[in-house]
Amino acid sequence: MTVTDAEEIRTLENRRFEALVAGDLGGFTELAHPDLTFTHSSGTLDTLESYLAKCASGFFVYHWIEHPIDTITVIGDTAVVIGGMRADLAVNGVHRLLDNRSLAVWTRVDGRWRFLAYQATPGK
């Protein structure tokens, strides 16, 4: 059975969110491109390094995440994922429930998909 790029991206998206909930920063890092840009629904921008530092310090603590995917568009070595991200988390010790729309970008580097960019926007 051949896995399509879109199916592979769906699997990687699942792994990405599972790693965050599990606090598996090594697993998250394996998926991420070194030039990751992570834009939060608050407008705050993080690099891979700053995002990992915030997760490691407990600034972000994810309790659960749901991430319905509307579409995955693959063109060449770029994949764009449009969907949602609902989460229960603590941000700097403050409980938050998120209901966001999201855009994730993956790029294929040396035959391997890497998580390159994320943009969250409040959904409601």
PDB file of N, CA and C in Angstrom:
ATOM      1  N   MET A   1       0.845  -1.187   0.000  1.00  0.00           N
ATOM      2  CA  MET A   1       0.000   0.000   0.000  1.00  0.00           C
ATOM      3  C   MET A   1       0.888   1.248   0.000  1.00  0.00           C
ATOM      4  N   THR A   2       0.597   2.167  -0.858  1.00  0.00           N
ATOM      5  CA  THR A   2       1.334   3.420  -0.954  1.00  0.00           C
ATOM      6  C   THR A   2       0.598   4.505  -0.176  1.00  0.00           C
ATOM      7  N   VAL A   3       1.338   5.191   0.670  1.00  0.00           N
ATOM      8  CA  VAL A   3       0.770   6.288   1.441  1.00  0.00           C
ATOM      9  C   VAL A   3       0.938   7.569   0.627  1.00  0.00           C
ATOM     10  N   THR A   4      -0.143   8.309   0.469  1.00  0.00           N
ATOM     11  CA  THR A   4      -0.052   9.576  -0.253  1.00  0.00           C
ATOM     12  C   THR A   4       0.594  10.635   0.643  1.00  0.00           C
ATOM     13  N   ASP A   5       1.080  11.699   0.025  1.00  0.00           N
ATOM     14  CA  ASP A   5       1.647  12.800   0.802  1.00  0.00           C
ATOM     15  C   ASP A   5       0.629  13.357   1.788  1.00  0.00           C
ATOM     16  N   ALA A   6      -0.608  13.510   1.357  1.00  0.00           N
ATOM     17  CA  ALA A   6      -1.648  14.052   2.239  1.00  0.00           C
ATOM     18  C   ALA A   6      -1.872  13.134   3.441  1.00  0.00           C
ATOM     19  N   GLU A   7      -1.876  11.831   3.223  1.00  0.00           N
ATOM     20  CA  GLU A   7      -2.039  10.888   4.338  1.00  0.00           C
ATOM     21  C   GLU A   7      -0.852  10.977   5.292  1.00  0.00           C
ATOM     22  N   GLU A   8       0.335  11.111   4.739  1.00  0.00           N
ATOM     23  CA  GLU A   8       1.523  11.241   5.579  1.00  0.00           C
ATOM     24  C   GLU A   8       1.467  12.521   6.412  1.00  0.00           C
ATOM     25  N   ILE A   9       1.051  13.606   5.805  1.00  0.00           N
ATOM     26  CA  ILE A   9       0.926  14.876   6.532  1.00  0.00           C
ATOM     27  C   ILE A   9      -0.111  14.746   7.645  1.00  0.00           C
ATOM     28  N   ARG A  10      -1.230  14.093   7.372  1.00  0.00           N
ATOM     29  CA  ARG A  10      -2.256  13.890   8.410  1.00  0.00           C
ATOM     30  C   ARG A  10      -1.655  13.124   9.604  1.00  0.00           C
ATOM     31  N   THR A  11      -0.880  12.109   9.328  1.00  0.00           N
ATOM     32  CA  THR A  11      -0.224  11.333  10.387  1.00  0.00           C
ATOM     33  C   THR A  11       0.762  12.196  11.166  1.00  0.00           C
ATOM     34  N   LEU A  12       1.528  13.017  10.454  1.00  0.00           N
ATOM     35  CA  LEU A  12       2.499  13.892  11.111  1.00  0.00           C
ATOM     36  C   LEU A  12       1.816  14.962  11.963  1.00  0.00           C
ATOM     37  N   GLU A  13       0.698  15.491  11.489  1.00  0.00           N
ATOM     38  CA  GLU A  13      -0.073  16.449  12.288  1.00  0.00           C
ATOM     39  C   GLU A  13      -0.532  15.781  13.589  1.00  0.00           C
ATOM     40  N   ASN A  14      -1.017  14.550  13.509  1.00  0.00           N
ATOM     41  CA  ASN A  14      -1.427  13.826  14.720  1.00  0.00           C
ATOM     42  C   ASN A  14      -0.243  13.681  15.671  1.00  0.00           C
ATOM     43  N   ARG A  15       0.905  13.284  15.139  1.00  0.00           N
ATOM     44  CA  ARG A  15       2.104  13.119  15.976  1.00  0.00           C
ATOM     45  C   ARG A  15       2.522  14.435  16.624  1.00  0.00           C
ATOM     46  N   ARG A  16       2.419  15.527  15.868  1.00  0.00           N
ATOM     47  CA  ARG A  16       2.807  16.841  16.387  1.00  0.00           C
ATOM     48  C   ARG A  16       1.968  17.212  17.604  1.00  0.00           C
ATOM     49  N   PHE A  17       0.662  17.079  17.489  1.00  0.00           N
ATOM     50  CA  PHE A  17      -0.211  17.441  18.607  1.00  0.00           C
ATOM     51  C   PHE A  17      -0.092  16.455  19.763  1.00  0.00           C
ATOM     52  N   GLU A  18       0.062  15.171  19.461  1.00  0.00           N
ATOM     53  CA  GLU A  18       0.263  14.180  20.524  1.00  0.00           C
ATOM     54  C   GLU A  18       1.528  14.477  21.309  1.00  0.00           C
ATOM     55  N   ALA A  19       2.582  14.891  20.620  1.00  0.00           N
ATOM     56  CA  ALA A  19       3.837  15.221  21.296  1.00  0.00           C
ATOM     57  C   ALA A  19       3.646  16.398  22.253  1.00  0.00           C
ATOM     58  N   LEU A  20       2.889  17.400  21.840  1.00  0.00           N
ATOM     59  CA  LEU A  20       2.659  18.558  22.703  1.00  0.00           C
ATOM     60  C   LEU A  20       1.905  18.166  23.964  1.00  0.00           C
ATOM     61  N   VAL A  21       0.860  17.372  23.827  1.00  0.00           N
ATOM     62  CA  VAL A  21       0.072  16.963  24.998  1.00  0.00           C
ATOM     63  C   VAL A  21       0.908  16.079  25.925  1.00  0.00           C
ATOM     64  N   ALA A  22       1.752  15.226  25.342  1.00  0.00           N
ATOM     65  CA  ALA A  22       2.595  14.331  26.143  1.00  0.00           C
ATOM     66  C   ALA A  22       3.809  15.051  26.734  1.00  0.00           C
ATOM     67  N   GLY A  23       4.046  16.286  26.315  1.00  0.00           N
ATOM     68  CA  GLY A  23       5.236  16.989  26.763  1.00  0.00           C
ATOM     69  C   GLY A  23       6.505  16.414  26.151  1.00  0.00           C
ATOM     70  N   ASP A  24       6.350  15.757  25.003  1.00  0.00           N
ATOM     71  CA  ASP A  24       7.471  15.123  24.300  1.00  0.00           C
ATOM     72  C   ASP A  24       8.127  16.138  23.364  1.00  0.00           C
ATOM     73  N   LEU A  25       8.969  16.985  23.936  1.00  0.00           N
ATOM     74  CA  LEU A  25       9.584  18.040  23.141  1.00  0.00           C
ATOM     75  C   LEU A  25      10.584  17.485  22.139  1.00  0.00           C
ATOM     76  N   GLY A  26      11.200  16.364  22.452  1.00  0.00           N
ATOM     77  CA  GLY A  26      12.083  15.712  21.495  1.00  0.00           C
ATOM     78  C   GLY A  26      11.317  15.228  20.282  1.00  0.00           C
ATOM     79  N   GLY A  27      10.159  14.641  20.514  1.00  0.00           N
ATOM     80  CA  GLY A  27       9.311  14.186  19.414  1.00  0.00           C
ATOM     81  C   GLY A  27       8.829  15.347  18.569  1.00  0.00           C
ATOM     82  N   PHE A  28       8.470  16.459  19.208  1.00  0.00           N
ATOM     83  CA  PHE A  28       8.048  17.655  18.481  1.00  0.00           C
ATOM     84  C   PHE A  28       9.210  18.185  17.639  1.00  0.00           C
ATOM     85  N   THR A  29      10.392  18.243  18.236  1.00  0.00           N
ATOM     86  CA  THR A  29      11.567  18.769  17.548  1.00  0.00           C
ATOM     87  C   THR A  29      11.915  17.937  16.317  1.00  0.00           C
ATOM     88  N   GLU A  30      11.751  16.634  16.410  1.00  0.00           N
ATOM     89  CA  GLU A  30      12.015  15.749  15.260  1.00  0.00           C
ATOM     90  C   GLU A  30      11.160  16.121  14.053  1.00  0.00           C
ATOM     91  N   LEU A  31       9.967  16.617  14.304  1.00  0.00           N
ATOM     92  CA  LEU A  31       9.042  16.969  13.227  1.00  0.00           C
ATOM     93  C   LEU A  31       9.284  18.374  12.687  1.00  0.00           C
ATOM     94  N   ALA A  32       9.899  19.218  13.484  1.00  0.00           N
ATOM     95  CA  ALA A  32       9.991  20.636  13.160  1.00  0.00           C
ATOM     96  C   ALA A  32      11.193  20.960  12.277  1.00  0.00           C
ATOM     97  N   HIS A  33      10.988  21.930  11.411  1.00  0.00           N
ATOM     98  CA  HIS A  33      12.078  22.508  10.633  1.00  0.00           C
ATOM     99  C   HIS A  33      12.820  23.480  11.555  1.00  0.00           C
ATOM    100  N   PRO A  34      14.138  23.590  11.459  1.00  0.00           N
ATOM    101  CA  PRO A  34      14.868  24.514  12.333  1.00  0.00           C
ATOM    102  C   PRO A  34      14.414  25.970  12.203  1.00  0.00           C
ATOM    103  N   ASP A  35      13.836  26.335  11.069  1.00  0.00           N
ATOM    104  CA  ASP A  35      13.366  27.707  10.851  1.00  0.00           C
ATOM    105  C   ASP A  35      11.879  27.872  11.150  1.00  0.00           C
ATOM    106  N   LEU A  36      11.327  27.002  11.993  1.00  0.00           N
ATOM    107  CA  LEU A  36       9.906  27.077  12.334  1.00  0.00           C
ATOM    108  C   LEU A  36       9.514  28.475  12.806  1.00  0.00           C
ATOM    109  N   THR A  37       8.379  28.943  12.294  1.00  0.00           N
ATOM    110  CA  THR A  37       7.741  30.176  12.764  1.00  0.00           C
ATOM    111  C   THR A  37       6.368  29.785  13.294  1.00  0.00           C
ATOM    112  N   PHE A  38       6.099  30.077  14.559  1.00  0.00           N
ATOM    113  CA  PHE A  38       4.867  29.677  15.232  1.00  0.00           C
ATOM    114  C   PHE A  38       4.155  30.941  15.682  1.00  0.00           C
ATOM    115  N   THR A  39       3.035  31.257  15.023  1.00  0.00           N
ATOM    116  CA  THR A  39       2.264  32.445  15.363  1.00  0.00           C
ATOM    117  C   THR A  39       1.020  32.015  16.141  1.00  0.00           C
ATOM    118  N   HIS A  40       0.933  32.475  17.382  1.00  0.00           N
ATOM    119  CA  HIS A  40      -0.175  32.113  18.270  1.00  0.00           C
ATOM    120  C   HIS A  40      -1.393  32.979  17.962  1.00  0.00           C
ATOM    121  N   SER A  41      -2.552  32.534  18.434  1.00  0.00           N
ATOM    122  CA  SER A  41      -3.790  33.288  18.204  1.00  0.00           C
ATOM    123  C   SER A  41      -3.757  34.660  18.883  1.00  0.00           C
ATOM    124  N   SER A  42      -2.866  34.836  19.842  1.00  0.00           N
ATOM    125  CA  SER A  42      -2.707  36.135  20.505  1.00  0.00           C
ATOM    126  C   SER A  42      -1.895  37.107  19.657  1.00  0.00           C
ATOM    127  N   GLY A  43      -1.277  36.580  18.597  1.00  0.00           N
ATOM    128  CA  GLY A  43      -0.403  37.391  17.762  1.00  0.00           C
ATOM    129  C   GLY A  43       1.063  37.248  18.137  1.00  0.00           C
ATOM    130  N   THR A  44       1.340  36.578  19.242  1.00  0.00           N
ATOM    131  CA  THR A  44       2.715  36.351  19.668  1.00  0.00           C
ATOM    132  C   THR A  44       3.414  35.420  18.680  1.00  0.00           C
ATOM    133  N   LEU A  45       4.649  35.734  18.382  1.00  0.00           N
ATOM    134  CA  LEU A  45       5.436  34.964  17.425  1.00  0.00           C
ATOM    135  C   LEU A  45       6.553  34.233  18.159  1.00  0.00           C
ATOM    136  N   ASP A  46       6.717  32.950  17.846  1.00  0.00           N
ATOM    137  CA  ASP A  46       7.808  32.166  18.404  1.00  0.00           C
ATOM    138  C   ASP A  46       8.609  31.512  17.297  1.00  0.00           C
ATOM    139  N   THR A  47       9.891  31.341  17.558  1.00  0.00           N
ATOM    140  CA  THR A  47      10.757  30.498  16.748  1.00  0.00           C
ATOM    141  C   THR A  47      10.696  29.093  17.352  1.00  0.00           C
ATOM    142  N   LEU A  48      11.316  28.140  16.710  1.00  0.00           N
ATOM    143  CA  LEU A  48      11.384  26.800  17.288  1.00  0.00           C
ATOM    144  C   LEU A  48      12.043  26.873  18.669  1.00  0.00           C
ATOM    145  N   GLU A  49      13.147  27.574  18.751  1.00  0.00           N
ATOM    146  CA  GLU A  49      13.883  27.666  20.008  1.00  0.00           C
ATOM    147  C   GLU A  49      13.050  28.308  21.116  1.00  0.00           C
ATOM    148  N   SER A  50      12.394  29.425  20.828  1.00  0.00           N
ATOM    149  CA  SER A  50      11.625  30.108  21.875  1.00  0.00           C
ATOM    150  C   SER A  50      10.377  29.314  22.259  1.00  0.00           C
ATOM    151  N   TYR A  51       9.745  28.646  21.294  1.00  0.00           N
ATOM    152  CA  TYR A  51       8.566  27.833  21.598  1.00  0.00           C
ATOM    153  C   TYR A  51       8.942  26.654  22.489  1.00  0.00           C
ATOM    154  N   LEU A  52      10.031  25.964  22.141  1.00  0.00           N
ATOM    155  CA  LEU A  52      10.479  24.830  22.958  1.00  0.00           C
ATOM    156  C   LEU A  52      10.840  25.287  24.366  1.00  0.00           C
ATOM    157  N   ALA A  53      11.485  26.446  24.486  1.00  0.00           N
ATOM    158  CA  ALA A  53      11.844  26.961  25.812  1.00  0.00           C
ATOM    159  C   ALA A  53      10.590  27.233  26.641  1.00  0.00           C
ATOM    160  N   LYS A  54       9.553  27.785  26.019  1.00  0.00           N
ATOM    161  CA  LYS A  54       8.309  28.059  26.740  1.00  0.00           C
ATOM    162  C   LYS A  54       7.629  26.756  27.170  1.00  0.00           C
ATOM    163  N   CYS A  55       7.637  25.764  26.306  1.00  0.00           N
ATOM    164  CA  CYS A  55       7.044  24.471  26.671  1.00  0.00           C
ATOM    165  C   CYS A  55       7.846  23.806  27.789  1.00  0.00           C
ATOM    166  N   ALA A  56       9.167  23.840  27.686  1.00  0.00           N
ATOM    167  CA  ALA A  56      10.025  23.206  28.691  1.00  0.00           C
ATOM    168  C   ALA A  56       9.898  23.877  30.057  1.00  0.00           C
ATOM    169  N   SER A  57       9.678  25.179  30.068  1.00  0.00           N
ATOM    170  CA  SER A  57       9.581  25.918  31.332  1.00  0.00           C
ATOM    171  C   SER A  57       8.204  25.813  31.983  1.00  0.00           C
ATOM    172  N   GLY A  58       7.226  25.248  31.246  1.00  0.00           N
ATOM    173  CA  GLY A  58       5.868  25.169  31.777  1.00  0.00           C
ATOM    174  C   GLY A  58       5.026  26.382  31.438  1.00  0.00           C
ATOM    175  N   PHE A  59       5.556  27.296  30.635  1.00  0.00           N
ATOM    176  CA  PHE A  59       4.762  28.445  30.196  1.00  0.00           C
ATOM    177  C   PHE A  59       3.531  27.962  29.432  1.00  0.00           C
ATOM    178  N   PHE A  60       3.725  26.973  28.538  1.00  0.00           N
ATOM    179  CA  PHE A  60       2.615  26.294  27.858  1.00  0.00           C
ATOM    180  C   PHE A  60       2.524  24.879  28.406  1.00  0.00           C
ATOM    181  N   VAL A  61       1.352  24.514  28.920  1.00  0.00           N
ATOM    182  CA  VAL A  61       1.092  23.138  29.350  1.00  0.00           C
ATOM    183  C   VAL A  61      -0.222  22.716  28.700  1.00  0.00           C
ATOM    184  N   TYR A  62      -0.123  21.777  27.755  1.00  0.00           N
ATOM    185  CA  TYR A  62      -1.301  21.323  27.014  1.00  0.00           C
ATOM    186  C   TYR A  62      -1.921  20.126  27.726  1.00  0.00           C
ATOM    187  N   HIS A  63      -3.247  20.206  27.994  1.00  0.00           N
ATOM    188  CA  HIS A  63      -3.967  19.117  28.641  1.00  0.00           C
ATOM    189  C   HIS A  63      -4.630  18.213  27.600  1.00  0.00           C
ATOM    190  N   TRP A  64      -5.242  18.800  26.617  1.00  0.00           N
ATOM    191  CA  TRP A  64      -5.767  18.055  25.464  1.00  0.00           C
ATOM    192  C   TRP A  64      -5.871  18.990  24.277  1.00  0.00           C
ATOM    193  N   ILE A  65      -5.804  18.386  23.097  1.00  0.00           N
ATOM    194  CA  ILE A  65      -5.927  19.138  21.853  1.00  0.00           C
ATOM    195  C   ILE A  65      -6.742  18.317  20.866  1.00  0.00           C
ATOM    196  N   GLU A  66      -7.705  18.958  20.232  1.00  0.00           N
ATOM    197  CA  GLU A  66      -8.413  18.389  19.076  1.00  0.00           C
ATOM    198  C   GLU A  66      -8.010  19.230  17.879  1.00  0.00           C
ATOM    199  N   HIS A  67      -7.774  18.587  16.749  1.00  0.00           N
ATOM    200  CA  HIS A  67      -7.312  19.345  15.584  1.00  0.00           C
ATOM    201  C   HIS A  67      -7.968  18.828  14.304  1.00  0.00           C
ATOM    202  N   PRO A  68      -9.239  19.138  14.137  1.00  0.00           N
ATOM    203  CA  PRO A  68      -9.900  18.713  12.901  1.00  0.00           C
ATOM    204  C   PRO A  68      -9.233  19.354  11.686  1.00  0.00           C
ATOM    205  N   ILE A  69      -9.067  18.553  10.643  1.00  0.00           N
ATOM    206  CA  ILE A  69      -8.446  19.025   9.409  1.00  0.00           C
ATOM    207  C   ILE A  69      -9.529  19.176   8.349  1.00  0.00           C
ATOM    208  N   ASP A  70      -9.600  20.369   7.756  1.00  0.00           N
ATOM    209  CA  ASP A  70     -10.537  20.617   6.658  1.00  0.00           C
ATOM    210  C   ASP A  70      -9.929  20.197   5.328  1.00  0.00           C
ATOM    211  N   THR A  71      -8.718  20.674   5.062  1.00  0.00           N
ATOM    212  CA  THR A  71      -8.058  20.348   3.797  1.00  0.00           C
ATOM    213  C   THR A  71      -6.558  20.225   3.992  1.00  0.00           C
ATOM    214  N   ILE A  72      -5.975  19.384   3.156  1.00  0.00           N
ATOM    215  CA  ILE A  72      -4.521  19.287   3.033  1.00  0.00           C
ATOM    216  C   ILE A  72      -4.222  19.444   1.552  1.00  0.00           C
ATOM    217  N   THR A  73      -3.477  20.481   1.215  1.00  0.00           N
ATOM    218  CA  THR A  73      -3.115  20.739  -0.173  1.00  0.00           C
ATOM    219  C   THR A  73      -1.607  20.553  -0.310  1.00  0.00           C
ATOM    220  N   VAL A  74      -1.221  19.649  -1.194  1.00  0.00           N
ATOM    221  CA  VAL A  74       0.198  19.395  -1.425  1.00  0.00           C
ATOM    222  C   VAL A  74       0.532  19.844  -2.836  1.00  0.00           C
ATOM    223  N   ILE A  75       1.501  20.741  -2.939  1.00  0.00           N
ATOM    224  CA  ILE A  75       2.001  21.200  -4.233  1.00  0.00           C
ATOM    225  C   ILE A  75       3.517  21.080  -4.166  1.00  0.00           C
ATOM    226  N   GLY A  76       4.043  20.164  -4.937  1.00  0.00           N
ATOM    227  CA  GLY A  76       5.482  19.929  -4.913  1.00  0.00           C
ATOM    228  C   GLY A  76       5.935  19.484  -3.537  1.00  0.00           C
ATOM    229  N   ASP A  77       6.879  20.230  -2.966  1.00  0.00           N
ATOM    230  CA  ASP A  77       7.437  19.897  -1.656  1.00  0.00           C
ATOM    231  C   ASP A  77       6.868  20.761  -0.540  1.00  0.00           C
ATOM    232  N   THR A  78       5.663  21.301  -0.765  1.00  0.00           N
ATOM    233  CA  THR A  78       4.988  22.120   0.238  1.00  0.00           C
ATOM    234  C   THR A  78       3.596  21.558   0.485  1.00  0.00           C
ATOM    235  N   ALA A  79       3.234  21.470   1.763  1.00  0.00           N
ATOM    236  CA  ALA A  79       1.893  21.032   2.145  1.00  0.00           C
ATOM    237  C   ALA A  79       1.289  22.089   3.063  1.00  0.00           C
ATOM    238  N   VAL A  80       0.042  22.457   2.776  1.00  0.00           N
ATOM    239  CA  VAL A  80      -0.684  23.437   3.581  1.00  0.00           C
ATOM    240  C   VAL A  80      -1.887  22.732   4.201  1.00  0.00           C
ATOM    241  N   VAL A  81      -1.990  22.829   5.500  1.00  0.00           N
ATOM    242  CA  VAL A  81      -3.071  22.188   6.251  1.00  0.00           C
ATOM    243  C   VAL A  81      -3.965  23.278   6.819  1.00  0.00           C
ATOM    244  N   ILE A  82      -5.233  23.247   6.458  1.00  0.00           N
ATOM    245  CA  ILE A  82      -6.222  24.188   6.973  1.00  0.00           C
ATOM    246  C   ILE A  82      -7.163  23.411   7.882  1.00  0.00           C
ATOM    247  N   GLY A  83      -7.413  23.948   9.050  1.00  0.00           N
ATOM    248  CA  GLY A  83      -8.308  23.252   9.963  1.00  0.00           C
ATOM    249  C   GLY A  83      -8.573  24.052  11.206  1.00  0.00           C
ATOM    250  N   GLY A  84      -8.689  23.337  12.300  1.00  0.00           N
ATOM    251  CA  GLY A  84      -8.974  23.965  13.583  1.00  0.00           C
ATOM    252  C   GLY A  84      -8.039  23.437  14.638  1.00  0.00           C
ATOM    253  N   MET A  85      -8.070  24.084  15.783  1.00  0.00           N
ATOM    254  CA  MET A  85      -7.310  23.608  16.931  1.00  0.00           C
ATOM    255  C   MET A  85      -8.066  24.037  18.177  1.00  0.00           C
ATOM    256  N   ARG A  86      -8.661  23.049  18.821  1.00  0.00           N
ATOM    257  CA  ARG A  86      -9.337  23.289  20.091  1.00  0.00           C
ATOM    258  C   ARG A  86      -8.450  22.676  21.169  1.00  0.00           C
ATOM    259  N   ALA A  87      -8.248  23.425  22.239  1.00  0.00           N
ATOM    260  CA  ALA A  87      -7.322  22.936  23.259  1.00  0.00           C
ATOM    261  C   ALA A  87      -7.700  23.430  24.643  1.00  0.00           C
ATOM    262  N   ASP A  88      -7.318  22.615  25.610  1.00  0.00           N
ATOM    263  CA  ASP A  88      -7.378  22.965  27.021  1.00  0.00           C
ATOM    264  C   ASP A  88      -5.920  23.032  27.463  1.00  0.00           C
ATOM    265  N   LEU A  89      -5.495  24.191  27.923  1.00  0.00           N
ATOM    266  CA  LEU A  89      -4.098  24.353  28.289  1.00  0.00           C
ATOM    267  C   LEU A  89      -3.939  25.420  29.353  1.00  0.00           C
ATOM    268  N   ALA A  90      -2.744  25.500  29.890  1.00  0.00           N
ATOM    269  CA  ALA A  90      -2.372  26.600  30.771  1.00  0.00           C
ATOM    270  C   ALA A  90      -1.333  27.427  30.035  1.00  0.00           C
ATOM    271  N   VAL A  91      -1.524  28.739  30.056  1.00  0.00           N
ATOM    272  CA  VAL A  91      -0.569  29.676  29.470  1.00  0.00           C
ATOM    273  C   VAL A  91      -0.048  30.546  30.608  1.00  0.00           C
ATOM    274  N   ASN A  92       1.203  30.344  30.945  1.00  0.00           N
ATOM    275  CA  ASN A  92       1.822  31.065  32.052  1.00  0.00           C
ATOM    276  C   ASN A  92       0.992  30.919  33.332  1.00  0.00           C
ATOM    277  N   GLY A  93       0.488  29.709  33.567  1.00  0.00           N
ATOM    278  CA  GLY A  93      -0.271  29.407  34.768  1.00  0.00           C
ATOM    279  C   GLY A  93      -1.747  29.747  34.715  1.00  0.00           C
ATOM    280  N   VAL A  94      -2.214  30.306  33.609  1.00  0.00           N
ATOM    281  CA  VAL A  94      -3.621  30.695  33.476  1.00  0.00           C
ATOM    282  C   VAL A  94      -4.337  29.687  32.580  1.00  0.00           C
ATOM    283  N   HIS A  95      -5.423  29.099  33.095  1.00  0.00           N
ATOM    284  CA  HIS A  95      -6.196  28.127  32.321  1.00  0.00           C
ATOM    285  C   HIS A  95      -6.839  28.794  31.120  1.00  0.00           C
ATOM    286  N   ARG A  96      -6.739  28.147  29.961  1.00  0.00           N
ATOM    287  CA  ARG A  96      -7.323  28.684  28.726  1.00  0.00           C
ATOM    288  C   ARG A  96      -7.995  27.554  27.964  1.00  0.00           C
ATOM    289  N   LEU A  97      -9.106  27.878  27.355  1.00  0.00           N
ATOM    290  CA  LEU A  97      -9.757  27.005  26.384  1.00  0.00           C
ATOM    291  C   LEU A  97      -9.688  27.725  25.046  1.00  0.00           C
ATOM    292  N   LEU A  98      -9.094  27.094  24.053  1.00  0.00           N
ATOM    293  CA  LEU A  98      -8.952  27.702  22.733  1.00  0.00           C
ATOM    294  C   LEU A  98      -9.899  27.044  21.742  1.00  0.00           C
ATOM    295  N   ASP A  99     -10.397  27.835  20.835  1.00  0.00           N
ATOM    296  CA  ASP A  99     -11.182  27.347  19.700  1.00  0.00           C
ATOM    297  C   ASP A  99     -10.717  28.151  18.484  1.00  0.00           C
ATOM    298  N   ASN A 100      -9.631  27.701  17.880  1.00  0.00           N
ATOM    299  CA  ASN A 100      -8.960  28.446  16.828  1.00  0.00           C
ATOM    300  C   ASN A 100      -9.167  27.834  15.450  1.00  0.00           C
ATOM    301  N   ARG A 101      -9.007  28.655  14.441  1.00  0.00           N
ATOM    302  CA  ARG A 101      -8.786  28.211  13.073  1.00  0.00           C
ATOM    303  C   ARG A 101      -7.273  28.169  12.924  1.00  0.00           C
ATOM    304  N   SER A 102      -6.775  27.310  12.050  1.00  0.00           N
ATOM    305  CA  SER A 102      -5.321  27.207  11.954  1.00  0.00           C
ATOM    306  C   SER A 102      -4.864  26.891  10.540  1.00  0.00           C
ATOM    307  N   LEU A 103      -3.626  27.284  10.294  1.00  0.00           N
ATOM    308  CA  LEU A 103      -2.942  26.993   9.045  1.00  0.00           C
ATOM    309  C   LEU A 103      -1.562  26.483   9.424  1.00  0.00           C
ATOM    310  N   ALA A 104      -1.230  25.293   8.954  1.00  0.00           N
ATOM    311  CA  ALA A 104       0.096  24.714   9.181  1.00  0.00           C
ATOM    312  C   ALA A 104       0.746  24.484   7.827  1.00  0.00           C
ATOM    313  N   VAL A 105       2.047  24.747   7.769  1.00  0.00           N
ATOM    314  CA  VAL A 105       2.806  24.551   6.540  1.00  0.00           C
ATOM    315  C   VAL A 105       3.917  23.544   6.815  1.00  0.00           C
ATOM    316  N   TRP A 106       4.004  22.555   5.945  1.00  0.00           N
ATOM    317  CA  TRP A 106       5.054  21.548   5.990  1.00  0.00           C
ATOM    318  C   TRP A 106       5.867  21.650   4.708  1.00  0.00           C
ATOM    319  N   THR A 107       7.157  21.377   4.811  1.00  0.00           N
ATOM    320  CA  THR A 107       8.008  21.374   3.628  1.00  0.00           C
ATOM    321  C   THR A 107       8.820  20.077   3.611  1.00  0.00           C
ATOM    322  N   ARG A 108       9.020  19.564   2.405  1.00  0.00           N
ATOM    323  CA  ARG A 108       9.803  18.333   2.275  1.00  0.00           C
ATOM    324  C   ARG A 108      11.264  18.726   2.022  1.00  0.00           C
ATOM    325  N   VAL A 109      12.115  18.291   2.945  1.00  0.00           N
ATOM    326  CA  VAL A 109      13.546  18.569   2.865  1.00  0.00           C
ATOM    327  C   VAL A 109      14.284  17.237   2.869  1.00  0.00           C
ATOM    328  N   ASP A 110      15.076  17.005   1.827  1.00  0.00           N
ATOM    329  CA  ASP A 110      15.813  15.745   1.708  1.00  0.00           C
ATOM    330  C   ASP A 110      14.904  14.529   1.875  1.00  0.00           C
ATOM    331  N   GLY A 111      13.710  14.624   1.278  1.00  0.00           N
ATOM    332  CA  GLY A 111      12.773  13.504   1.283  1.00  0.00           C
ATOM    333  C   GLY A 111      11.949  13.356   2.545  1.00  0.00           C
ATOM    334  N   ARG A 112      12.089  14.271   3.487  1.00  0.00           N
ATOM    335  CA  ARG A 112      11.393  14.165   4.774  1.00  0.00           C
ATOM    336  C   ARG A 112      10.557  15.409   5.024  1.00  0.00           C
ATOM    337  N   TRP A 113       9.299  15.217   5.435  1.00  0.00           N
ATOM    338  CA  TRP A 113       8.414  16.337   5.750  1.00  0.00           C
ATOM    339  C   TRP A 113       8.812  16.954   7.080  1.00  0.00           C
ATOM    340  N   ARG A 114       8.901  18.312   7.098  1.00  0.00           N
ATOM    341  CA  ARG A 114       9.237  19.045   8.307  1.00  0.00           C
ATOM    342  C   ARG A 114       8.221  20.168   8.509  1.00  0.00           C
ATOM    343  N   PHE A 115       7.800  20.357   9.746  1.00  0.00           N
ATOM    344  CA  PHE A 115       6.829  21.372  10.145  1.00  0.00           C
ATOM    345  C   PHE A 115       7.511  22.741  10.118  1.00  0.00           C
ATOM    346  N   LEU A 116       7.060  23.631   9.227  1.00  0.00           N
ATOM    347  CA  LEU A 116       7.757  24.893   8.970  1.00  0.00           C
ATOM    348  C   LEU A 116       7.072  26.120   9.561  1.00  0.00           C
ATOM    349  N   ALA A 117       5.736  26.148   9.535  1.00  0.00           N
ATOM    350  CA  ALA A 117       5.051  27.359   9.995  1.00  0.00           C
ATOM    351  C   ALA A 117       3.655  27.016  10.504  1.00  0.00           C
ATOM    352  N   TYR A 118       3.218  27.838  11.452  1.00  0.00           N
ATOM    353  CA  TYR A 118       1.882  27.670  12.024  1.00  0.00           C
ATOM    354  C   TYR A 118       1.292  29.045  12.280  1.00  0.00           C
ATOM    355  N   GLN A 119       0.009  29.180  11.976  1.00  0.00           N
ATOM    356  CA  GLN A 119      -0.719  30.438  12.217  1.00  0.00           C
ATOM    357  C   GLN A 119      -2.066  30.071  12.817  1.00  0.00           C
ATOM    358  N   ALA A 120      -2.327  30.514  14.019  1.00  0.00           N
ATOM    359  CA  ALA A 120      -3.621  30.296  14.662  1.00  0.00           C
ATOM    360  C   ALA A 120      -4.383  31.616  14.718  1.00  0.00           C
ATOM    361  N   THR A 121      -5.683  31.517  14.540  1.00  0.00           N
ATOM    362  CA  THR A 121      -6.560  32.682  14.598  1.00  0.00           C
ATOM    363  C   THR A 121      -7.785  32.301  15.424  1.00  0.00           C
ATOM    364  N   PRO A 122      -8.214  33.159  16.356  1.00  0.00           N
ATOM    365  CA  PRO A 122      -9.420  32.820  17.112  1.00  0.00           C
ATOM    366  C   PRO A 122     -10.558  32.465  16.160  1.00  0.00           C
ATOM    367  N   GLY A 123     -11.229  31.363  16.454  1.00  0.00           N
ATOM    368  CA  GLY A 123     -12.259  30.841  15.557  1.00  0.00           C
ATOM    369  C   GLY A 123     -13.617  31.495  15.719  1.00  0.00           C
ATOM    370  N   LYS A 124     -13.882  32.061  16.846  1.00  0.00           N
ATOM    371  CA  LYS A 124     -15.218  32.609  17.079  1.00  0.00           C
ATOM    372  C   LYS A 124     -15.139  33.954  17.713  1.00  0.00           C
TER     373      LYS A 124
END
